[in-house]
Amino acid sequence: MSGRLSSMFEEMRGKRAALITYATGFFPDREGSAAIIRAMLDGGADAVEIGLPFSDPVMDGPVIQETSGAALQAGSTAAGILDLASVVRGSTEKPVVIMSYYNPVFHYGLASFASDAMAAGVDGVVIPDLPAEEMGPWKRECDSAGLETVAFCSVTTSDERIELASRMSTGFMYCISTLGTTGPRERVPDELPRFLERVRGHASCPVVVGVGISTPDQCRDVGALADGVIVGSALMRLALDGDGTGGVAAAVSRLAESLR
């Protein structure tokens, strides 16, 4: 499989890490989230991850929980997020990824979600609460539709599970930089370099780091070790605080510059 995600990592190999930014879909509403995503892409994000809001966001910290709650109030649904993704696709050739908990995807129907996501121009789907051991049925539908898959690992993941997660990942491996929920951290964990070295020894797919990365300095440090860096809560904090699309674009520009 060679979609936009795979092509992006291939083009950047040996040059720099990719910047992937996260935006909660339908926050503050459908049009507002589309504007935030465009600002991120205009600011220098190499790819964007659109969050599908869910009522029980077990992995998310306070910022994403708050934006997800507001998005649900604004009428977010799985179909609405796919429609939003198609709107974003209409104005960019950069990779567009959806992040969703498993429940909405399962409820929608695995085959239907994969095919509808592909039709909307989505390149990959990230499901943080779907273990690699249980990804088989979902990966089969994604492979059939031409959608790229993403599995997770953390510092507590065994070498054997890293290898399994790599086999389940056609887009990239999502490496969680620090244990706990999403949100900014004071600094990059000391154990991250050793953890990523271990991942690279057991994975054949691109390695991307997310959770807890919020500043240009952290982005630069992690980008020196990984194929990509994901920043979400820090940017959604700006959106929550009313900084507008200009503030989000400026913040993304600073993050992107730190990786060059």
Protein backbone atom coordinates (compact mmCIF):
# COMPACT_ATOMS: atom_id res chain seq x y z
CA MET A 1 0.00 0.00 0.00
CA SER A 2 1.32 3.44 -0.92
CA GLY A 3 -1.11 6.18 0.09
CA ARG A 4 -0.48 9.80 0.98
CA LEU A 5 0.76 8.90 4.47
CA SER A 6 3.31 6.38 3.25
CA SER A 7 4.41 8.74 0.48
CA MET A 8 4.86 11.60 2.96
CA PHE A 9 7.15 9.56 5.21
CA GLU A 10 9.06 8.24 2.21
CA GLU A 11 9.66 11.78 0.90
CA MET A 12 10.83 13.03 4.31
CA ARG A 13 13.06 10.07 5.16
CA GLY A 14 16.54 11.29 6.05
CA LYS A 15 15.46 14.95 5.90
CA ARG A 16 13.24 15.78 8.88
CA ALA A 17 10.33 14.54 10.96
CA ALA A 18 6.77 15.21 9.83
CA LEU A 19 4.54 17.50 11.90
CA ILE A 20 1.06 16.05 12.41
CA THR A 21 -1.42 18.30 14.19
CA TYR A 22 -4.66 17.26 15.89
CA ALA A 23 -7.95 19.14 15.78
CA THR A 24 -11.20 18.07 17.43
CA GLY A 25 -13.81 17.76 14.68
CA PHE A 26 -16.84 20.07 15.06
CA PHE A 27 -15.08 22.25 17.65
CA PRO A 28 -16.28 24.91 18.10
CA ASP A 29 -18.66 23.81 15.31
CA ARG A 30 -18.45 22.31 11.83
CA GLU A 31 -17.34 25.48 10.03
CA GLY A 32 -15.09 26.56 12.88
CA SER A 33 -13.24 23.25 12.95
CA ALA A 34 -12.74 23.34 9.18
CA ALA A 35 -11.20 26.80 9.57
CA ILE A 36 -8.89 25.60 12.39
CA ILE A 37 -7.74 22.64 10.28
CA ARG A 38 -7.05 24.90 7.28
CA ALA A 39 -5.06 27.21 9.57
CA MET A 40 -2.97 24.26 10.76
CA LEU A 41 -2.22 23.16 7.21
CA ASP A 42 -1.48 26.74 6.11
CA GLY A 43 0.78 27.13 9.17
CA GLY A 44 3.00 24.27 8.05
CA ALA A 45 1.47 21.02 9.35
CA ASP A 46 2.45 18.13 7.08
CA ALA A 47 -0.69 16.16 7.94
CA VAL A 48 -3.74 16.65 10.11
CA GLU A 49 -5.56 14.33 12.49
CA ILE A 50 -9.28 15.03 12.92
CA GLY A 51 -10.68 13.83 16.24
CA LEU A 52 -14.08 12.12 16.17
CA PRO A 53 -15.64 13.22 19.49
CA PHE A 54 -16.87 10.48 21.82
CA SER A 55 -18.74 10.71 25.11
CA ASP A 56 -16.26 8.52 27.03
CA PRO A 57 -12.78 9.77 25.98
CA VAL A 58 -10.67 7.53 28.23
CA MET A 59 -7.30 8.51 26.73
CA ASP A 60 -7.92 12.25 26.61
CA GLY A 61 -6.94 14.92 29.11
CA PRO A 62 -9.00 17.97 30.14
CA VAL A 63 -8.47 20.04 26.96
CA ILE A 64 -9.56 17.37 24.48
CA GLN A 65 -12.37 16.31 26.81
CA GLU A 66 -13.67 19.89 26.86
CA THR A 67 -13.43 20.38 23.10
CA SER A 68 -15.03 16.97 22.49
CA GLY A 69 -17.94 17.80 24.79
CA ALA A 70 -18.51 21.09 22.98
CA ALA A 71 -18.26 19.33 19.60
CA LEU A 72 -20.92 16.81 20.61
CA GLN A 73 -23.14 19.70 21.68
CA ALA A 74 -22.51 21.24 18.25
CA GLY A 75 -23.90 18.11 16.60
CA SER A 76 -20.84 16.01 15.85
CA THR A 77 -21.52 12.48 14.53
CA ALA A 78 -19.37 9.90 12.78
CA ALA A 79 -21.03 10.76 9.47
CA GLY A 80 -20.52 14.46 10.18
CA ILE A 81 -16.80 13.96 10.81
CA LEU A 82 -16.43 12.03 7.54
CA ASP A 83 -18.21 14.89 5.78
CA LEU A 84 -15.85 17.38 7.46
CA ALA A 85 -12.89 15.29 6.27
CA SER A 86 -14.20 15.47 2.70
CA VAL A 87 -14.41 19.27 2.99
CA VAL A 88 -10.80 19.40 4.21
CA ARG A 89 -9.72 17.06 1.41
CA GLY A 90 -11.21 19.47 -1.12
CA SER A 91 -8.55 22.06 -0.32
CA THR A 92 -5.38 20.03 0.38
CA GLU A 93 -3.35 17.11 -0.90
CA LYS A 94 -1.71 16.60 2.51
CA PRO A 95 -2.62 13.45 4.47
CA VAL A 96 -5.86 13.57 6.47
CA VAL A 97 -6.24 11.09 9.34
CA ILE A 98 -9.21 10.45 11.62
CA MET A 99 -8.73 9.58 15.27
CA SER A 100 -11.67 7.78 16.85
CA TYR A 101 -12.39 5.48 19.72
CA TYR A 102 -13.52 2.04 18.62
CA ASN A 103 -17.15 2.36 19.74
CA PRO A 104 -18.27 4.88 17.05
CA VAL A 105 -16.46 2.92 14.31
CA PHE A 106 -17.94 -0.40 15.47
CA HIS A 107 -21.41 1.14 15.72
CA TYR A 108 -21.06 2.63 12.21
CA GLY A 109 -19.89 -0.75 10.85
CA LEU A 110 -16.24 -1.58 10.18
CA ALA A 111 -16.63 -2.11 6.43
CA SER A 112 -18.89 0.92 6.00
CA PHE A 113 -16.62 3.22 8.00
CA ALA A 114 -13.52 2.12 6.10
CA SER A 115 -15.13 2.52 2.68
CA ASP A 116 -16.87 5.81 3.56
CA ALA A 117 -13.64 7.21 5.03
CA MET A 118 -11.79 6.31 1.85
CA ALA A 119 -14.55 7.91 -0.25
CA ALA A 120 -14.21 11.08 1.86
CA GLY A 121 -10.50 11.28 1.04
CA VAL A 122 -9.26 10.09 4.45
CA ASP A 123 -5.83 8.44 4.36
CA GLY A 124 -5.75 6.59 7.67
CA VAL A 125 -7.62 5.99 10.91
CA VAL A 126 -6.16 5.95 14.42
CA ILE A 127 -8.09 3.97 17.08
CA PRO A 128 -6.31 4.30 20.46
CA ASP A 129 -8.45 1.79 22.38
CA LEU A 130 -8.21 -1.03 19.81
CA PRO A 131 -5.34 -3.36 20.87
CA ALA A 132 -3.07 -4.77 18.16
CA GLU A 133 -4.21 -8.29 19.12
CA GLU A 134 -7.79 -7.36 18.19
CA MET A 135 -7.08 -5.26 15.09
CA GLY A 136 -7.37 -8.12 12.57
CA PRO A 137 -11.00 -7.57 11.43
CA TRP A 138 -10.54 -3.78 11.25
CA LYS A 139 -7.24 -4.05 9.35
CA ARG A 140 -8.82 -6.40 6.81
CA GLU A 141 -11.54 -3.84 6.07
CA CYS A 142 -8.98 -1.03 5.84
CA ASP A 143 -6.73 -3.05 3.53
CA SER A 144 -9.75 -3.82 1.35
CA ALA A 145 -10.76 -0.15 1.18
CA GLY A 146 -7.21 1.14 0.69
CA LEU A 147 -7.12 2.90 4.07
CA GLU A 148 -3.90 2.99 6.10
CA THR A 149 -3.89 1.65 9.68
CA VAL A 150 -2.15 2.80 12.85
CA ALA A 151 -1.39 0.75 15.98
CA PHE A 152 -0.10 1.96 19.34
CA CYS A 153 2.77 1.16 21.65
CA SER A 154 4.21 2.67 24.82
CA VAL A 155 7.26 2.31 27.02
CA THR A 156 5.56 -0.63 28.77
CA THR A 157 4.91 -2.53 25.50
CA SER A 158 6.91 -5.75 25.10
CA ASP A 159 9.14 -6.36 22.08
CA GLU A 160 6.73 -9.04 20.87
CA ARG A 161 3.76 -6.67 20.99
CA ILE A 162 5.77 -3.95 19.23
CA GLU A 163 6.39 -6.42 16.38
CA LEU A 164 2.67 -7.25 16.27
CA ALA A 165 1.71 -3.57 16.31
CA SER A 166 4.15 -2.95 13.46
CA ARG A 167 2.50 -5.68 11.38
CA MET A 168 -0.87 -4.04 12.03
CA SER A 169 0.42 -0.58 10.99
CA THR A 170 0.48 0.31 7.30
CA GLY A 171 0.53 4.08 7.95
CA PHE A 172 2.70 4.51 11.03
CA MET A 173 3.22 3.29 14.58
CA TYR A 174 1.86 5.70 17.19
CA CYS A 175 4.35 5.74 20.08
CA ILE A 176 2.97 7.26 23.27
CA SER A 177 5.73 9.45 24.71
CA THR A 178 4.52 9.30 28.29
CA LEU A 179 2.00 7.29 30.27
CA GLY A 180 -1.31 8.92 31.16
CA THR A 181 -3.88 10.99 29.30
CA THR A 182 -3.22 13.54 26.56
CA GLY A 183 -2.03 17.03 27.46
CA PRO A 184 1.14 19.14 27.74
CA ARG A 185 4.07 17.97 29.88
CA GLU A 186 6.97 19.92 31.36
CA ARG A 187 9.57 18.01 29.35
CA VAL A 188 10.20 14.99 27.17
CA PRO A 189 10.64 11.83 29.31
CA ASP A 190 14.25 10.72 29.86
CA GLU A 191 13.40 7.17 28.78
CA LEU A 192 12.04 8.24 25.36
CA PRO A 193 15.30 7.82 23.34
CA ARG A 194 15.83 4.27 24.63
CA PHE A 195 12.17 3.42 24.07
CA LEU A 196 12.24 4.63 20.45
CA GLU A 197 15.49 2.81 19.81
CA ARG A 198 13.77 -0.38 20.99
CA VAL A 199 10.74 0.34 18.79
CA ARG A 200 12.95 0.85 15.73
CA GLY A 201 14.63 -2.48 16.44
CA HIS A 202 11.29 -4.30 16.23
CA ALA A 203 9.20 -2.23 13.80
CA SER A 204 9.38 -1.84 10.04
CA CYS A 205 6.86 1.04 9.71
CA PRO A 206 7.38 4.79 10.31
CA VAL A 207 7.60 5.72 14.00
CA VAL A 208 5.56 8.72 15.18
CA VAL A 209 5.45 10.14 18.72
CA GLY A 210 2.45 11.77 20.35
CA VAL A 211 0.97 12.69 23.76
CA GLY A 212 2.58 15.36 25.92
CA ILE A 213 4.40 17.28 23.17
CA SER A 214 3.51 20.96 23.18
CA THR A 215 6.50 23.28 22.59
CA PRO A 216 8.88 23.88 19.65
CA ASP A 217 11.81 22.67 21.79
CA GLN A 218 10.02 19.41 22.63
CA CYS A 219 9.06 19.04 18.97
CA ARG A 220 12.70 19.46 17.90
CA ASP A 221 13.99 16.97 20.50
CA VAL A 222 11.43 14.32 19.59
CA GLY A 223 11.74 15.01 15.87
CA ALA A 224 15.43 14.11 16.06
CA LEU A 225 14.40 10.59 17.20
CA ALA A 226 11.22 9.87 15.23
CA ASP A 227 9.72 10.00 11.75
CA GLY A 228 6.90 12.23 12.93
CA VAL A 229 5.60 14.26 15.87
CA ILE A 230 1.94 14.77 16.84
CA VAL A 231 0.80 17.93 18.67
CA GLY A 232 -2.82 18.29 19.74
CA SER A 233 -3.77 19.55 23.20
CA ALA A 234 -1.51 22.62 23.08
CA LEU A 235 -3.18 23.76 19.84
CA MET A 236 -6.69 22.97 21.05
CA ARG A 237 -5.89 24.97 24.20
CA LEU A 238 -5.32 28.02 21.95
CA ALA A 239 -8.62 27.37 20.19
CA LEU A 240 -10.39 27.04 23.56
CA ASP A 241 -8.86 30.29 24.76
CA GLY A 242 -10.21 32.09 21.72
CA ASP A 243 -6.87 32.77 20.01
CA GLY A 244 -8.57 32.19 16.67
CA THR A 245 -7.21 30.65 13.51
CA GLY A 246 -4.39 33.20 13.36
CA GLY A 247 -3.05 32.15 16.75
CA VAL A 248 -3.28 28.47 15.83
CA ALA A 249 -1.52 29.02 12.49
CA ALA A 250 1.27 31.00 14.18
CA ALA A 251 1.78 28.27 16.80
CA VAL A 252 1.90 25.56 14.11
CA SER A 253 4.41 27.64 12.17
CA ARG A 254 6.71 27.77 15.20
CA LEU A 255 6.40 24.01 15.67
CA ALA A 256 7.08 23.35 11.98
CA GLU A 257 10.12 25.64 12.02
CA SER A 258 11.60 23.70 14.95
CA LEU A 259 11.67 20.55 12.79
CA ARG A 260 13.48 22.18 9.85
